[in-house]
Amino acid sequence: MTPDHATQSLGDDRDLPLARPAPGWMGPASAWAGGVALLTGVALPVVGKWRRSVGAVADGHWMSGDMWAPFPVFVAVVGVLLGMAVLWHLRTCRRPYSAAVVGARLQAWTGIVLGGLAVGLVYVYVITYAVWRAMKG
């Protein structure tokens, strides 16, 4: 007779079924999406120097700062969601983890952290730009 889950100790996972880990592409995709989001968030102040959207497009710039700001946030959301999906799939894996599972977890956490940094960087830039613009008049 197997013990009931309420009385089972937290460290005893011998009775857990073998989990099917997330697809192999999700971990690296999470890390890459977080990295791309962070790089585009860092590039935002450079691209944001083109203040006039219509003038920037008319001058031949392929994208102005106002049009660029949502892109790092959207890519960061994709990276965070992929990382959370990997961690969700791995929640029932038996411990100790294999090398592949440890790599997938590391990539998932990397994507989550880099995506969070990118979103924070974009929000700090947008808030400081809005305050500077309001003070300038």
C-alpha atoms as a PDB file:
ATOM      1  CA  MET A   1       0.000   0.000   0.000  1.00  0.00           C
ATOM      2  CA  THR A   2       1.473   3.334  -1.023  1.00  0.00           C
ATOM      3  CA  PRO A   3       1.487   6.185   1.460  1.00  0.00           C
ATOM      4  CA  ASP A   4      -0.997   8.936   0.938  1.00  0.00           C
ATOM      5  CA  HIS A   5       0.428  12.204  -0.436  1.00  0.00           C
ATOM      6  CA  ALA A   6      -0.482  14.199   2.681  1.00  0.00           C
ATOM      7  CA  THR A   7       1.671  11.975   4.898  1.00  0.00           C
ATOM      8  CA  GLN A   8       4.469  11.379   2.401  1.00  0.00           C
ATOM      9  CA  SER A   9       7.674  13.219   3.253  1.00  0.00           C
ATOM     10  CA  LEU A  10       8.799  15.950   0.895  1.00  0.00           C
ATOM     11  CA  GLY A  11      12.142  14.346   0.150  1.00  0.00           C
ATOM     12  CA  ASP A  12      10.730  10.923  -0.764  1.00  0.00           C
ATOM     13  CA  ASP A  13      10.098  10.831  -4.493  1.00  0.00           C
ATOM     14  CA  ARG A  14      10.559   7.116  -5.178  1.00  0.00           C
ATOM     15  CA  ASP A  15       6.841   6.699  -5.852  1.00  0.00           C
ATOM     16  CA  LEU A  16       6.627   9.522  -8.373  1.00  0.00           C
ATOM     17  CA  PRO A  17       6.056   8.420 -11.950  1.00  0.00           C
ATOM     18  CA  LEU A  18       8.738   9.140 -14.502  1.00  0.00           C
ATOM     19  CA  ALA A  19       8.091  12.583 -15.879  1.00  0.00           C
ATOM     20  CA  ARG A  20       8.333  13.500 -19.506  1.00  0.00           C
ATOM     21  CA  PRO A  21      10.628  16.525 -19.649  1.00  0.00           C
ATOM     22  CA  ALA A  22       9.943  19.538 -21.813  1.00  0.00           C
ATOM     23  CA  PRO A  23      10.984  19.413 -25.465  1.00  0.00           C
ATOM     24  CA  GLY A  24      14.689  19.974 -25.947  1.00  0.00           C
ATOM     25  CA  TRP A  25      14.288  23.250 -27.833  1.00  0.00           C
ATOM     26  CA  MET A  26      12.423  25.057 -25.053  1.00  0.00           C
ATOM     27  CA  GLY A  27      15.380  25.559 -22.681  1.00  0.00           C
ATOM     28  CA  PRO A  28      17.745  27.091 -25.242  1.00  0.00           C
ATOM     29  CA  ALA A  29      14.887  29.113 -26.758  1.00  0.00           C
ATOM     30  CA  SER A  30      14.151  30.586 -23.333  1.00  0.00           C
ATOM     31  CA  ALA A  31      17.784  31.559 -22.784  1.00  0.00           C
ATOM     32  CA  TRP A  32      18.108  33.026 -26.294  1.00  0.00           C
ATOM     33  CA  ALA A  33      14.865  34.985 -25.994  1.00  0.00           C
ATOM     34  CA  GLY A  34      16.023  36.418 -22.658  1.00  0.00           C
ATOM     35  CA  GLY A  35      19.391  37.358 -24.171  1.00  0.00           C
ATOM     36  CA  VAL A  36      17.829  38.991 -27.233  1.00  0.00           C
ATOM     37  CA  ALA A  37      15.403  40.883 -24.990  1.00  0.00           C
ATOM     38  CA  LEU A  38      18.266  42.154 -22.837  1.00  0.00           C
ATOM     39  CA  LEU A  39      20.347  43.214 -25.851  1.00  0.00           C
ATOM     40  CA  THR A  40      17.435  45.048 -27.446  1.00  0.00           C
ATOM     41  CA  GLY A  41      16.647  46.651 -24.072  1.00  0.00           C
ATOM     42  CA  VAL A  42      20.236  47.879 -23.825  1.00  0.00           C
ATOM     43  CA  ALA A  43      20.008  49.225 -27.385  1.00  0.00           C
ATOM     44  CA  LEU A  44      16.793  51.100 -26.583  1.00  0.00           C
ATOM     45  CA  PRO A  45      18.476  54.354 -25.429  1.00  0.00           C
ATOM     46  CA  VAL A  46      20.508  54.450 -28.665  1.00  0.00           C
ATOM     47  CA  VAL A  47      17.474  53.867 -30.859  1.00  0.00           C
ATOM     48  CA  GLY A  48      15.414  56.179 -28.640  1.00  0.00           C
ATOM     49  CA  LYS A  49      17.493  59.174 -29.698  1.00  0.00           C
ATOM     50  CA  TRP A  50      15.305  59.444 -32.761  1.00  0.00           C
ATOM     51  CA  ARG A  51      12.551  61.315 -30.953  1.00  0.00           C
ATOM     52  CA  ARG A  52      10.154  61.986 -33.802  1.00  0.00           C
ATOM     53  CA  SER A  53       8.607  58.784 -35.095  1.00  0.00           C
ATOM     54  CA  VAL A  54       7.369  60.223 -38.379  1.00  0.00           C
ATOM     55  CA  GLY A  55      10.568  62.188 -38.928  1.00  0.00           C
ATOM     56  CA  ALA A  56      12.712  59.164 -38.155  1.00  0.00           C
ATOM     57  CA  VAL A  57      10.896  57.020 -40.677  1.00  0.00           C
ATOM     58  CA  ALA A  58      10.977  59.840 -43.223  1.00  0.00           C
ATOM     59  CA  ASP A  59      14.747  60.226 -42.673  1.00  0.00           C
ATOM     60  CA  GLY A  60      15.283  56.594 -43.570  1.00  0.00           C
ATOM     61  CA  HIS A  61      15.633  55.058 -40.112  1.00  0.00           C
ATOM     62  CA  TRP A  62      14.018  51.651 -40.183  1.00  0.00           C
ATOM     63  CA  MET A  63      12.506  51.966 -36.713  1.00  0.00           C
ATOM     64  CA  SER A  64      12.125  54.827 -34.264  1.00  0.00           C
ATOM     65  CA  GLY A  65      12.489  54.699 -30.487  1.00  0.00           C
ATOM     66  CA  ASP A  66       8.743  54.798 -29.838  1.00  0.00           C
ATOM     67  CA  MET A  67       8.177  51.844 -32.120  1.00  0.00           C
ATOM     68  CA  TRP A  68      11.141  49.917 -30.654  1.00  0.00           C
ATOM     69  CA  ALA A  69      10.171  50.023 -26.931  1.00  0.00           C
ATOM     70  CA  PRO A  70       7.585  47.188 -26.846  1.00  0.00           C
ATOM     71  CA  PHE A  71       9.820  44.719 -28.701  1.00  0.00           C
ATOM     72  CA  PRO A  72      12.167  43.824 -25.779  1.00  0.00           C
ATOM     73  CA  VAL A  73       9.177  43.415 -23.479  1.00  0.00           C
ATOM     74  CA  PHE A  74       7.392  41.052 -25.880  1.00  0.00           C
ATOM     75  CA  VAL A  75      10.530  38.960 -26.428  1.00  0.00           C
ATOM     76  CA  ALA A  76      11.147  38.864 -22.657  1.00  0.00           C
ATOM     77  CA  VAL A  77       7.615  37.579 -22.093  1.00  0.00           C
ATOM     78  CA  VAL A  78       8.260  34.766 -24.577  1.00  0.00           C
ATOM     79  CA  GLY A  79      11.520  33.893 -22.795  1.00  0.00           C
ATOM     80  CA  VAL A  80       9.903  33.894 -19.365  1.00  0.00           C
ATOM     81  CA  LEU A  81       6.954  31.787 -20.541  1.00  0.00           C
ATOM     82  CA  LEU A  82       9.242  29.230 -22.178  1.00  0.00           C
ATOM     83  CA  GLY A  83      11.373  29.072 -19.029  1.00  0.00           C
ATOM     84  CA  MET A  84       8.315  28.602 -16.840  1.00  0.00           C
ATOM     85  CA  ALA A  85       7.070  25.840 -19.149  1.00  0.00           C
ATOM     86  CA  VAL A  86      10.402  24.016 -18.817  1.00  0.00           C
ATOM     87  CA  LEU A  87      10.315  24.319 -15.031  1.00  0.00           C
ATOM     88  CA  TRP A  88       6.688  23.190 -14.995  1.00  0.00           C
ATOM     89  CA  HIS A  89       7.539  20.086 -16.992  1.00  0.00           C
ATOM     90  CA  LEU A  90      10.452  19.283 -14.676  1.00  0.00           C
ATOM     91  CA  ARG A  91       8.525  19.650 -11.423  1.00  0.00           C
ATOM     92  CA  THR A  92       7.950  15.923 -11.086  1.00  0.00           C
ATOM     93  CA  CYS A  93      11.325  14.646 -12.294  1.00  0.00           C
ATOM     94  CA  ARG A  94      13.090  12.328  -9.952  1.00  0.00           C
ATOM     95  CA  ARG A  95      16.074  13.599  -8.046  1.00  0.00           C
ATOM     96  CA  PRO A  96      19.060  13.583  -8.437  1.00  0.00           C
ATOM     97  CA  TYR A  97      18.681  15.219 -11.806  1.00  0.00           C
ATOM     98  CA  SER A  98      20.479  13.993 -14.886  1.00  0.00           C
ATOM     99  CA  ALA A  99      22.883  16.297 -16.707  1.00  0.00           C
ATOM    100  CA  ALA A 100      20.318  17.071 -19.414  1.00  0.00           C
ATOM    101  CA  VAL A 101      17.698  18.093 -16.841  1.00  0.00           C
ATOM    102  CA  VAL A 102      20.208  20.275 -14.989  1.00  0.00           C
ATOM    103  CA  GLY A 103      21.099  21.976 -18.292  1.00  0.00           C
ATOM    104  CA  ALA A 104      17.447  22.561 -19.142  1.00  0.00           C
ATOM    105  CA  ARG A 105      16.798  24.051 -15.695  1.00  0.00           C
ATOM    106  CA  LEU A 106      19.837  26.318 -15.999  1.00  0.00           C
ATOM    107  CA  GLN A 107      18.722  27.542 -19.422  1.00  0.00           C
ATOM    108  CA  ALA A 108      15.178  28.101 -18.175  1.00  0.00           C
ATOM    109  CA  TRP A 109      16.343  30.148 -15.189  1.00  0.00           C
ATOM    110  CA  THR A 110      18.756  32.076 -17.439  1.00  0.00           C
ATOM    111  CA  GLY A 111      15.893  33.018 -19.769  1.00  0.00           C
ATOM    112  CA  ILE A 112      13.699  34.058 -16.841  1.00  0.00           C
ATOM    113  CA  VAL A 113      16.396  36.207 -15.211  1.00  0.00           C
ATOM    114  CA  LEU A 114      17.526  37.851 -18.460  1.00  0.00           C
ATOM    115  CA  GLY A 115      13.913  38.532 -19.443  1.00  0.00           C
ATOM    116  CA  GLY A 116      13.229  40.113 -16.056  1.00  0.00           C
ATOM    117  CA  LEU A 117      16.332  42.293 -16.369  1.00  0.00           C
ATOM    118  CA  ALA A 118      15.283  43.362 -19.860  1.00  0.00           C
ATOM    119  CA  VAL A 119      11.782  44.339 -18.741  1.00  0.00           C
ATOM    120  CA  GLY A 120      13.208  46.241 -15.767  1.00  0.00           C
ATOM    121  CA  LEU A 121      15.676  48.056 -18.013  1.00  0.00           C
ATOM    122  CA  VAL A 122      12.958  49.042 -20.483  1.00  0.00           C
ATOM    123  CA  TYR A 123      10.665  50.291 -17.726  1.00  0.00           C
ATOM    124  CA  VAL A 124      13.458  52.344 -16.136  1.00  0.00           C
ATOM    125  CA  TYR A 125      14.249  53.867 -19.534  1.00  0.00           C
ATOM    126  CA  VAL A 126      10.597  54.639 -20.308  1.00  0.00           C
ATOM    127  CA  ILE A 127       9.976  56.174 -16.868  1.00  0.00           C
ATOM    128  CA  THR A 128      13.132  58.307 -16.941  1.00  0.00           C
ATOM    129  CA  TYR A 129      12.366  59.420 -20.490  1.00  0.00           C
ATOM    130  CA  ALA A 130       8.798  60.325 -19.512  1.00  0.00           C
ATOM    131  CA  VAL A 131       9.980  62.271 -16.445  1.00  0.00           C
ATOM    132  CA  TRP A 132      12.684  64.048 -18.482  1.00  0.00           C
ATOM    133  CA  ARG A 133      10.162  64.891 -21.188  1.00  0.00           C
ATOM    134  CA  ALA A 134       7.665  66.205 -18.615  1.00  0.00           C
ATOM    135  CA  MET A 135      10.324  68.341 -16.917  1.00  0.00           C
ATOM    136  CA  LYS A 136      11.533  69.705 -20.239  1.00  0.00           C
ATOM    137  CA  GLY A 137       8.038  70.880 -21.005  1.00  0.00           C
END
